[in-house]
Amino acid sequence: MRAAVEGLATPDPLGRRLPAVYAADDLAQRLTGAYDQVIAPVHATLDNLWAYFDPALAPPDFVDWLGGWVAAGGPPDGAGDDRRRVVAGAVGRHRVRGTAAALAEEVRLATGIAAEIVESGGTAWSATPGGALPGSPEPALTVRIRVAEPGPALAARLRAVIEANRPAHVPYTVEVLPPDGGPATGGAR
């Protein structure tokens, strides 16, 4: 992943480690100098390895690799700072994975559109036994988005995000609405 960096010096040149007989030999010094140029990025990477695991400091190509390690989601082709924020927040999003709020956030990250999530479940507390249970006994999930011009690419991306982030046993419906609240397009899944 790392490549040669022009002008990067090694912290420990090999020419200094040669026996005295080679210390003054120009050919030996040039050969070890060439090797020093090749190995200098390795030294620089190892000396700064801690920074590679921080999305705020890591090189851009390494941020995408980190995103794969933590299943960051979101668009992999996002802008630098946006991608860094997505990777940095991945662990926090995994804590709430499977909830309506987490699904709405994943939709927003992938499409840039705020989604309304309607689910059939619910929780409640009551001091009276035998009270009515919240929600519906049949699991269901509806994802509503409002866009001016829906397209097949948006629908495909939206379905992929929902498939990856919804509870596996819950069927879902996608509703694509115009911004003014007109009739829905989309359908059940």
C-alpha atoms as a PDB file:
ATOM      1  CA  MET A   1       0.000   0.000   0.000  1.00  0.00           C
ATOM      2  CA  ARG A   2       2.741   2.440   0.814  1.00  0.00           C
ATOM      3  CA  ALA A   3       5.147   3.416  -1.945  1.00  0.00           C
ATOM      4  CA  ALA A   4       8.442   5.208  -2.259  1.00  0.00           C
ATOM      5  CA  VAL A   5       8.344   8.798  -1.034  1.00  0.00           C
ATOM      6  CA  GLU A   6      10.639  11.245  -2.782  1.00  0.00           C
ATOM      7  CA  GLY A   7      13.279  12.658  -0.416  1.00  0.00           C
ATOM      8  CA  LEU A   8      12.278  10.526   2.580  1.00  0.00           C
ATOM      9  CA  ALA A   9      15.355   9.687   4.602  1.00  0.00           C
ATOM     10  CA  THR A  10      15.767   6.552   6.658  1.00  0.00           C
ATOM     11  CA  PRO A  11      16.393   7.032  10.390  1.00  0.00           C
ATOM     12  CA  ASP A  12      19.136   4.384  10.355  1.00  0.00           C
ATOM     13  CA  PRO A  13      21.194   4.293   7.123  1.00  0.00           C
ATOM     14  CA  LEU A  14      22.669   0.874   6.391  1.00  0.00           C
ATOM     15  CA  GLY A  15      25.972   2.408   5.258  1.00  0.00           C
ATOM     16  CA  ARG A  16      26.773   3.259   8.885  1.00  0.00           C
ATOM     17  CA  ARG A  17      26.449  -0.407   9.844  1.00  0.00           C
ATOM     18  CA  LEU A  18      28.976  -1.678   7.311  1.00  0.00           C
ATOM     19  CA  PRO A  19      32.390  -2.856   8.497  1.00  0.00           C
ATOM     20  CA  ALA A  20      35.140  -0.245   8.414  1.00  0.00           C
ATOM     21  CA  VAL A  21      36.639  -1.669   5.224  1.00  0.00           C
ATOM     22  CA  TYR A  22      33.414  -0.738   3.344  1.00  0.00           C
ATOM     23  CA  ALA A  23      32.738   2.543   5.126  1.00  0.00           C
ATOM     24  CA  ALA A  24      34.899   4.480   2.674  1.00  0.00           C
ATOM     25  CA  ASP A  25      33.894   2.393  -0.379  1.00  0.00           C
ATOM     26  CA  ASP A  26      31.778   4.554  -2.685  1.00  0.00           C
ATOM     27  CA  LEU A  27      30.082   1.601  -4.436  1.00  0.00           C
ATOM     28  CA  ALA A  28      29.045  -0.023  -1.144  1.00  0.00           C
ATOM     29  CA  GLN A  29      27.669   3.293   0.150  1.00  0.00           C
ATOM     30  CA  ARG A  30      25.676   3.896  -3.044  1.00  0.00           C
ATOM     31  CA  LEU A  31      24.232   0.343  -2.985  1.00  0.00           C
ATOM     32  CA  THR A  32      23.161   0.621   0.624  1.00  0.00           C
ATOM     33  CA  GLY A  33      21.855   4.143  -0.080  1.00  0.00           C
ATOM     34  CA  ALA A  34      19.588   2.737  -2.811  1.00  0.00           C
ATOM     35  CA  TYR A  35      18.293   0.136  -0.387  1.00  0.00           C
ATOM     36  CA  ASP A  36      17.725   2.883   2.204  1.00  0.00           C
ATOM     37  CA  GLN A  37      15.490   4.719  -0.292  1.00  0.00           C
ATOM     38  CA  VAL A  38      13.401   1.587  -0.785  1.00  0.00           C
ATOM     39  CA  ILE A  39      13.131   0.736   2.907  1.00  0.00           C
ATOM     40  CA  ALA A  40      12.535   4.319   4.205  1.00  0.00           C
ATOM     41  CA  PRO A  41       8.729   4.163   3.688  1.00  0.00           C
ATOM     42  CA  VAL A  42       8.630   0.945   5.709  1.00  0.00           C
ATOM     43  CA  HIS A  43      10.414   2.668   8.596  1.00  0.00           C
ATOM     44  CA  ALA A  44       8.096   5.680   8.321  1.00  0.00           C
ATOM     45  CA  THR A  45       4.995   3.457   8.310  1.00  0.00           C
ATOM     46  CA  LEU A  46       6.118   1.394  11.289  1.00  0.00           C
ATOM     47  CA  ASP A  47       7.165   4.487  13.252  1.00  0.00           C
ATOM     48  CA  ASN A  48       3.684   5.980  12.710  1.00  0.00           C
ATOM     49  CA  LEU A  49       1.612   2.793  12.764  1.00  0.00           C
ATOM     50  CA  TRP A  50      -0.678   4.071  15.512  1.00  0.00           C
ATOM     51  CA  ALA A  51      -1.864   6.874  13.207  1.00  0.00           C
ATOM     52  CA  TYR A  52      -2.973   4.372  10.555  1.00  0.00           C
ATOM     53  CA  PHE A  53      -5.673   3.034  12.894  1.00  0.00           C
ATOM     54  CA  ASP A  54      -7.226   6.460  13.533  1.00  0.00           C
ATOM     55  CA  PRO A  55      -9.623   7.416  10.710  1.00  0.00           C
ATOM     56  CA  ALA A  56      -8.893  11.103  11.295  1.00  0.00           C
ATOM     57  CA  LEU A  57      -5.162  10.627  10.637  1.00  0.00           C
ATOM     58  CA  ALA A  58      -4.859   7.643   8.310  1.00  0.00           C
ATOM     59  CA  PRO A  59      -3.989   8.074   4.617  1.00  0.00           C
ATOM     60  CA  PRO A  60      -7.094   8.132   2.362  1.00  0.00           C
ATOM     61  CA  ASP A  61      -6.541   4.673   0.887  1.00  0.00           C
ATOM     62  CA  PHE A  62      -6.094   3.208   4.360  1.00  0.00           C
ATOM     63  CA  VAL A  63      -9.354   4.816   5.570  1.00  0.00           C
ATOM     64  CA  ASP A  64     -11.242   2.680   3.023  1.00  0.00           C
ATOM     65  CA  TRP A  65      -9.394  -0.384   4.283  1.00  0.00           C
ATOM     66  CA  LEU A  66     -10.320   0.493   7.885  1.00  0.00           C
ATOM     67  CA  GLY A  67     -13.910   0.898   6.730  1.00  0.00           C
ATOM     68  CA  GLY A  68     -13.841  -2.704   5.546  1.00  0.00           C
ATOM     69  CA  TRP A  69     -12.479  -3.885   8.898  1.00  0.00           C
ATOM     70  CA  VAL A  70     -15.333  -2.295  10.853  1.00  0.00           C
ATOM     71  CA  ALA A  71     -18.080  -2.770   8.203  1.00  0.00           C
ATOM     72  CA  ALA A  72     -18.544   0.988   8.022  1.00  0.00           C
ATOM     73  CA  GLY A  73     -21.121   1.019   5.231  1.00  0.00           C
ATOM     74  CA  GLY A  74     -21.930   4.254   3.489  1.00  0.00           C
ATOM     75  CA  PRO A  75     -20.694   5.062   0.009  1.00  0.00           C
ATOM     76  CA  PRO A  76     -17.057   3.970  -0.425  1.00  0.00           C
ATOM     77  CA  ASP A  77     -16.548   6.779  -2.918  1.00  0.00           C
ATOM     78  CA  GLY A  78     -17.512   9.508  -0.432  1.00  0.00           C
ATOM     79  CA  ALA A  79     -15.478  12.670   0.046  1.00  0.00           C
ATOM     80  CA  GLY A  80     -12.421  12.354   2.297  1.00  0.00           C
ATOM     81  CA  ASP A  81     -13.775  13.965   5.465  1.00  0.00           C
ATOM     82  CA  ASP A  82     -17.212  12.389   5.046  1.00  0.00           C
ATOM     83  CA  ARG A  83     -15.684   8.925   4.627  1.00  0.00           C
ATOM     84  CA  ARG A  84     -13.509   9.469   7.717  1.00  0.00           C
ATOM     85  CA  ARG A  85     -16.622  10.372   9.768  1.00  0.00           C
ATOM     86  CA  VAL A  86     -18.495   7.305   8.495  1.00  0.00           C
ATOM     87  CA  VAL A  87     -15.610   4.989   9.439  1.00  0.00           C
ATOM     88  CA  ALA A  88     -15.112   6.647  12.833  1.00  0.00           C
ATOM     89  CA  GLY A  89     -18.825   6.278  13.663  1.00  0.00           C
ATOM     90  CA  ALA A  90     -19.190   2.665  12.498  1.00  0.00           C
ATOM     91  CA  VAL A  91     -18.793   1.048  15.907  1.00  0.00           C
ATOM     92  CA  GLY A  92     -21.389   3.366  17.444  1.00  0.00           C
ATOM     93  CA  ARG A  93     -23.828   2.513  14.654  1.00  0.00           C
ATOM     94  CA  HIS A  94     -23.276  -1.212  15.222  1.00  0.00           C
ATOM     95  CA  ARG A  95     -24.462  -0.774  18.831  1.00  0.00           C
ATOM     96  CA  VAL A  96     -27.942   0.189  17.622  1.00  0.00           C
ATOM     97  CA  ARG A  97     -28.036  -1.990  14.499  1.00  0.00           C
ATOM     98  CA  GLY A  98     -31.481  -3.380  13.743  1.00  0.00           C
ATOM     99  CA  THR A  99     -33.353  -0.407  15.198  1.00  0.00           C
ATOM    100  CA  ALA A 100     -35.410   2.078  13.224  1.00  0.00           C
ATOM    101  CA  ALA A 101     -32.995   4.904  14.080  1.00  0.00           C
ATOM    102  CA  ALA A 102     -30.001   2.898  12.874  1.00  0.00           C
ATOM    103  CA  LEU A 103     -31.749   1.967   9.625  1.00  0.00           C
ATOM    104  CA  ALA A 104     -32.666   5.608   9.008  1.00  0.00           C
ATOM    105  CA  GLU A 105     -29.026   6.625   9.579  1.00  0.00           C
ATOM    106  CA  GLU A 106     -27.726   3.936   7.199  1.00  0.00           C
ATOM    107  CA  VAL A 107     -30.191   5.090   4.518  1.00  0.00           C
ATOM    108  CA  ARG A 108     -29.044   8.689   5.027  1.00  0.00           C
ATOM    109  CA  LEU A 109     -25.376   7.703   4.774  1.00  0.00           C
ATOM    110  CA  ALA A 110     -25.893   5.637   1.616  1.00  0.00           C
ATOM    111  CA  THR A 111     -28.285   7.913  -0.260  1.00  0.00           C
ATOM    112  CA  GLY A 112     -28.049  11.326   1.383  1.00  0.00           C
ATOM    113  CA  ILE A 113     -31.834  11.256   1.904  1.00  0.00           C
ATOM    114  CA  ALA A 114     -33.610  11.348   5.263  1.00  0.00           C
ATOM    115  CA  ALA A 115     -35.900   8.340   5.572  1.00  0.00           C
ATOM    116  CA  GLU A 116     -39.013   7.862   7.658  1.00  0.00           C
ATOM    117  CA  ILE A 117     -39.101   4.409   9.216  1.00  0.00           C
ATOM    118  CA  VAL A 118     -42.414   2.904  10.408  1.00  0.00           C
ATOM    119  CA  GLU A 119     -42.167  -0.395  12.248  1.00  0.00           C
ATOM    120  CA  SER A 120     -44.783  -2.740  13.680  1.00  0.00           C
ATOM    121  CA  GLY A 121     -43.089  -3.451  16.996  1.00  0.00           C
ATOM    122  CA  GLY A 122     -43.157  -1.542  20.231  1.00  0.00           C
ATOM    123  CA  THR A 123     -42.406  -1.708  23.936  1.00  0.00           C
ATOM    124  CA  ALA A 124     -44.334  -0.512  26.930  1.00  0.00           C
ATOM    125  CA  TRP A 125     -44.377  -0.830  30.678  1.00  0.00           C
ATOM    126  CA  SER A 126     -47.434  -1.180  32.847  1.00  0.00           C
ATOM    127  CA  ALA A 127     -48.034  -1.784  36.542  1.00  0.00           C
ATOM    128  CA  THR A 128     -51.317  -3.490  35.626  1.00  0.00           C
ATOM    129  CA  PRO A 129     -51.001  -7.092  34.447  1.00  0.00           C
ATOM    130  CA  GLY A 130     -52.810  -8.134  31.289  1.00  0.00           C
ATOM    131  CA  GLY A 131     -52.607  -4.698  29.649  1.00  0.00           C
ATOM    132  CA  ALA A 132     -52.705  -4.255  25.892  1.00  0.00           C
ATOM    133  CA  LEU A 133     -49.456  -4.965  24.103  1.00  0.00           C
ATOM    134  CA  PRO A 134     -48.036  -2.278  21.823  1.00  0.00           C
ATOM    135  CA  GLY A 135     -47.389  -2.761  18.155  1.00  0.00           C
ATOM    136  CA  SER A 136     -48.626  -5.564  15.931  1.00  0.00           C
ATOM    137  CA  PRO A 137     -47.991  -9.296  16.285  1.00  0.00           C
ATOM    138  CA  GLU A 138     -46.968  -9.471  12.609  1.00  0.00           C
ATOM    139  CA  PRO A 139     -43.542  -7.934  11.951  1.00  0.00           C
ATOM    140  CA  ALA A 140     -43.480  -5.238   9.275  1.00  0.00           C
ATOM    141  CA  LEU A 141     -41.241  -2.375   8.239  1.00  0.00           C
ATOM    142  CA  THR A 142     -41.988   0.567   5.967  1.00  0.00           C
ATOM    143  CA  VAL A 143     -39.251   2.853   4.680  1.00  0.00           C
ATOM    144  CA  ARG A 144     -40.450   6.154   3.200  1.00  0.00           C
ATOM    145  CA  ILE A 145     -38.266   8.601   1.357  1.00  0.00           C
ATOM    146  CA  ARG A 146     -39.169  11.827  -0.409  1.00  0.00           C
ATOM    147  CA  VAL A 147     -37.316  12.692  -3.613  1.00  0.00           C
ATOM    148  CA  ALA A 148     -38.099  14.831  -6.620  1.00  0.00           C
ATOM    149  CA  GLU A 149     -36.815  12.399  -9.249  1.00  0.00           C
ATOM    150  CA  PRO A 150     -36.613   8.755  -8.142  1.00  0.00           C
ATOM    151  CA  GLY A 151     -34.543   6.511 -10.348  1.00  0.00           C
ATOM    152  CA  PRO A 152     -33.740   2.818 -10.597  1.00  0.00           C
ATOM    153  CA  ALA A 153     -30.212   3.362  -9.214  1.00  0.00           C
ATOM    154  CA  LEU A 154     -31.608   5.034  -6.088  1.00  0.00           C
ATOM    155  CA  ALA A 155     -34.169   2.268  -5.615  1.00  0.00           C
ATOM    156  CA  ALA A 156     -31.513  -0.433  -5.996  1.00  0.00           C
ATOM    157  CA  ARG A 157     -29.172   1.286  -3.531  1.00  0.00           C
ATOM    158  CA  LEU A 158     -32.023   1.811  -1.056  1.00  0.00           C
ATOM    159  CA  ARG A 159     -33.091  -1.840  -1.223  1.00  0.00           C
ATOM    160  CA  ALA A 160     -29.490  -2.998  -0.749  1.00  0.00           C
ATOM    161  CA  VAL A 161     -29.113  -0.821   2.363  1.00  0.00           C
ATOM    162  CA  ILE A 162     -32.401  -2.065   3.810  1.00  0.00           C
ATOM    163  CA  GLU A 163     -31.544  -5.717   3.094  1.00  0.00           C
ATOM    164  CA  ALA A 164     -28.190  -5.324   4.839  1.00  0.00           C
ATOM    165  CA  ASN A 165     -29.498  -3.508   7.915  1.00  0.00           C
ATOM    166  CA  ARG A 166     -33.015  -4.706   8.717  1.00  0.00           C
ATOM    167  CA  PRO A 167     -33.750  -7.620  11.043  1.00  0.00           C
ATOM    168  CA  ALA A 168     -33.728 -10.707   8.812  1.00  0.00           C
ATOM    169  CA  HIS A 169     -37.211 -11.917   9.805  1.00  0.00           C
ATOM    170  CA  VAL A 170     -38.966  -8.599   9.119  1.00  0.00           C
ATOM    171  CA  PRO A 171     -40.521  -8.046   5.662  1.00  0.00           C
ATOM    172  CA  TYR A 172     -40.311  -4.506   4.379  1.00  0.00           C
ATOM    173  CA  THR A 173     -42.025  -2.062   2.067  1.00  0.00           C
ATOM    174  CA  VAL A 174     -40.374   0.884   0.327  1.00  0.00           C
ATOM    175  CA  GLU A 175     -42.384   3.999  -0.438  1.00  0.00           C
ATOM    176  CA  VAL A 176     -40.873   6.689  -2.645  1.00  0.00           C
ATOM    177  CA  LEU A 177     -42.892   9.889  -2.303  1.00  0.00           C
ATOM    178  CA  PRO A 178     -42.564  13.226  -4.062  1.00  0.00           C
ATOM    179  CA  PRO A 179     -41.402  16.081  -1.833  1.00  0.00           C
ATOM    180  CA  ASP A 180     -44.926  17.608  -1.802  1.00  0.00           C
ATOM    181  CA  GLY A 181     -46.523  14.469  -0.294  1.00  0.00           C
ATOM    182  CA  GLY A 182     -48.282  13.117  -3.403  1.00  0.00           C
ATOM    183  CA  PRO A 183     -49.028   9.438  -4.127  1.00  0.00           C
ATOM    184  CA  ALA A 184     -46.347   6.852  -3.364  1.00  0.00           C
ATOM    185  CA  THR A 185     -44.370   4.775  -5.823  1.00  0.00           C
ATOM    186  CA  GLY A 186     -42.366   1.696  -4.887  1.00  0.00           C
ATOM    187  CA  GLY A 187     -43.788  -1.460  -3.444  1.00  0.00           C
ATOM    188  CA  ALA A 188     -43.536  -4.313  -1.015  1.00  0.00           C
ATOM    189  CA  ARG A 189     -40.629  -6.596  -0.719  1.00  0.00           C
END
